[in-house]
Protein backbone atom coordinates (compact mmCIF):
# COMPACT_ATOMS: atom_id res chain seq x y z
CA MET A 1 11.93 -1.88 -7.30
CA VAL A 2 10.39 -5.00 -8.77
CA ALA A 3 8.54 -5.86 -5.53
CA VAL A 4 6.07 -3.00 -6.02
CA ALA A 5 6.15 -2.34 -9.76
CA ASP A 6 2.54 -3.48 -10.07
CA LEU A 7 1.16 -1.03 -7.50
CA PRO A 8 -0.58 2.07 -8.87
CA GLU A 9 1.42 5.28 -9.15
CA VAL A 10 4.60 4.08 -7.45
CA THR A 11 7.58 6.22 -8.34
CA GLU A 12 11.25 5.92 -7.56
CA SER A 13 12.33 9.22 -6.10
CA THR A 14 14.30 10.63 -3.19
CA TRP A 15 13.31 11.24 0.39
CA TYR A 16 15.73 12.93 2.77
CA ARG A 17 18.18 12.85 -0.17
CA THR A 18 18.17 9.05 -0.31
CA PRO A 19 16.59 6.64 -2.84
CA ALA A 20 12.93 6.11 -2.01
CA LEU A 21 9.61 4.75 -3.14
CA LYS A 22 6.63 7.09 -3.19
CA VAL A 23 2.99 7.11 -4.12
CA ARG A 24 1.69 10.50 -5.24
CA ASP A 25 4.71 12.19 -3.66
CA ARG A 26 4.22 10.47 -0.30
CA GLY A 27 7.13 8.31 0.76
CA PHE A 28 6.58 4.81 2.08
CA ALA A 29 10.09 3.29 1.90
CA ARG A 30 13.61 4.66 1.68
CA LEU A 31 17.16 3.37 1.74
CA ARG A 32 19.19 4.58 4.69
CA PRO A 33 22.84 5.51 4.19
CA GLU A 34 23.53 5.54 7.92
CA SER A 35 25.97 3.02 9.33
CA GLU A 36 23.16 0.60 10.27
CA GLY A 37 21.82 0.80 6.72
CA GLY A 38 18.59 -0.94 5.93
CA LEU A 39 15.41 -0.06 4.16
CA MET A 40 12.99 2.06 6.20
CA VAL A 41 9.43 0.88 5.57
CA LEU A 42 6.32 2.55 6.99
CA CYS A 43 4.16 0.26 9.10
CA GLU A 44 1.68 0.30 11.95
CA ILE A 45 3.36 0.50 15.34
CA SER A 46 1.72 -2.80 16.34
CA GLU A 47 3.28 -4.48 13.27
CA LYS A 48 6.68 -3.01 14.15
CA LYS A 49 6.45 -4.37 17.70
CA ALA A 50 5.47 -7.82 16.44
CA LEU A 51 8.29 -7.94 13.90
CA LEU A 52 10.87 -6.88 16.47
CA ALA A 53 9.49 -9.38 19.00
CA SER A 54 9.74 -12.18 16.42
CA GLY A 55 13.53 -12.13 16.78
CA ASP A 56 14.01 -12.27 13.01
CA PRO A 57 17.37 -10.56 12.34
CA ALA A 58 15.95 -9.07 9.12
CA TYR A 59 14.04 -6.50 11.20
CA PHE A 60 15.51 -3.88 13.46
CA THR A 61 15.13 -0.31 14.60
CA THR A 62 17.19 2.53 15.97
CA GLU A 63 16.53 5.06 18.69
CA HIS A 64 15.64 7.60 15.98
CA TYR A 65 12.60 5.49 15.01
CA ASP A 66 11.38 4.75 18.56
CA GLY A 67 7.67 5.49 18.77
CA TYR A 68 7.40 5.93 15.00
CA GLY A 69 5.51 3.68 12.60
CA ALA A 70 8.49 2.44 10.61
CA ILE A 71 10.56 -0.74 10.63
CA LEU A 72 14.10 -1.08 9.34
CA VAL A 73 14.71 -4.05 7.07
CA ASP A 74 18.02 -5.75 6.30
CA LEU A 75 17.65 -6.46 2.58
CA ASP A 76 20.28 -9.20 2.72
CA ARG A 77 18.28 -11.15 5.31
CA VAL A 78 14.61 -10.52 4.59
CA ASP A 79 12.44 -13.10 2.84
CA PRO A 80 11.36 -11.54 -0.49
CA ARG A 81 7.72 -12.51 0.13
CA GLU A 82 7.75 -10.80 3.51
CA LEU A 83 9.34 -7.70 1.98
CA ARG A 84 6.60 -7.63 -0.66
CA GLU A 85 3.92 -7.80 2.05
CA LEU A 86 5.56 -5.04 4.06
CA LEU A 87 5.88 -2.80 1.01
CA VAL A 88 2.26 -3.32 -0.07
CA GLU A 89 1.05 -2.42 3.40
CA ALA A 90 3.40 0.59 3.52
CA TRP A 91 2.05 1.68 0.14
CA ARG A 92 -1.49 1.39 1.57
CA LEU A 93 -0.52 3.64 4.50
CA ALA A 94 0.78 6.34 2.16
CA ALA A 95 -1.67 6.04 -0.74
CA PRO A 96 -4.83 8.13 -1.00
CA ALA A 97 -8.11 6.28 -0.41
CA ALA A 98 -9.03 6.23 -4.11
CA LEU A 99 -5.84 4.32 -4.90
CA ARG A 100 -6.12 2.00 -1.88
CA GLU A 101 -9.48 0.80 -3.17
CA ARG A 102 -7.72 -0.55 -6.27
CA VAL A 103 -5.39 -2.84 -4.28
CA PRO A 104 -6.69 -5.42 -1.80
CA ALA A 105 -5.15 -5.40 1.65
CA VAL A 106 -2.62 -8.09 2.38
CA SER A 107 -4.02 -10.63 4.79
CA ARG A 108 -1.61 -10.32 7.68
CA GLY A 109 -1.55 -10.99 11.36
CA SER A 110 1.25 -9.76 13.50
CA VAL A 111 3.72 -11.92 11.55
CA PRO A 112 4.10 -11.78 7.78
CA ALA A 113 2.14 -14.48 5.93
CA ALA A 114 5.30 -16.00 4.44
CA ARG A 115 6.62 -16.75 7.92
CA ARG A 116 3.21 -17.97 9.17
CA GLU A 117 3.09 -20.47 6.27
CA GLU A 118 6.64 -21.65 6.99
CA LYS A 119 5.89 -22.02 10.69
CA GLY A 120 2.80 -24.09 9.86
CA ARG A 121 4.96 -26.49 7.85
CA LEU A 122 7.42 -26.79 10.73
CA ASP A 123 4.82 -27.45 13.45
């Protein structure tokens, strides 16, 4: 996936028999074949709550992921910059500390920076 090709040690693999992205064998995103589809991306639970509360139709969840630090992303609706931010942060959650030190954290609040910038232009 082009969005994370520059991150250290990212590999395309499988996770639960579906296409996935991993760092040192630890998954941080995977495509879901279930009827709802989407890309499952690891995240902090607070980030998940904020994304769901935003009302953006690109983000959703299912009962299976209730209480779990993962957001489901509709790839047809998500802003590519927001997806990049989510994937970098997911990579940081899965990557060992030595690798995390090589990649600066994305400056994020509870709403992806791409949407914060757009909102600022609209206000």
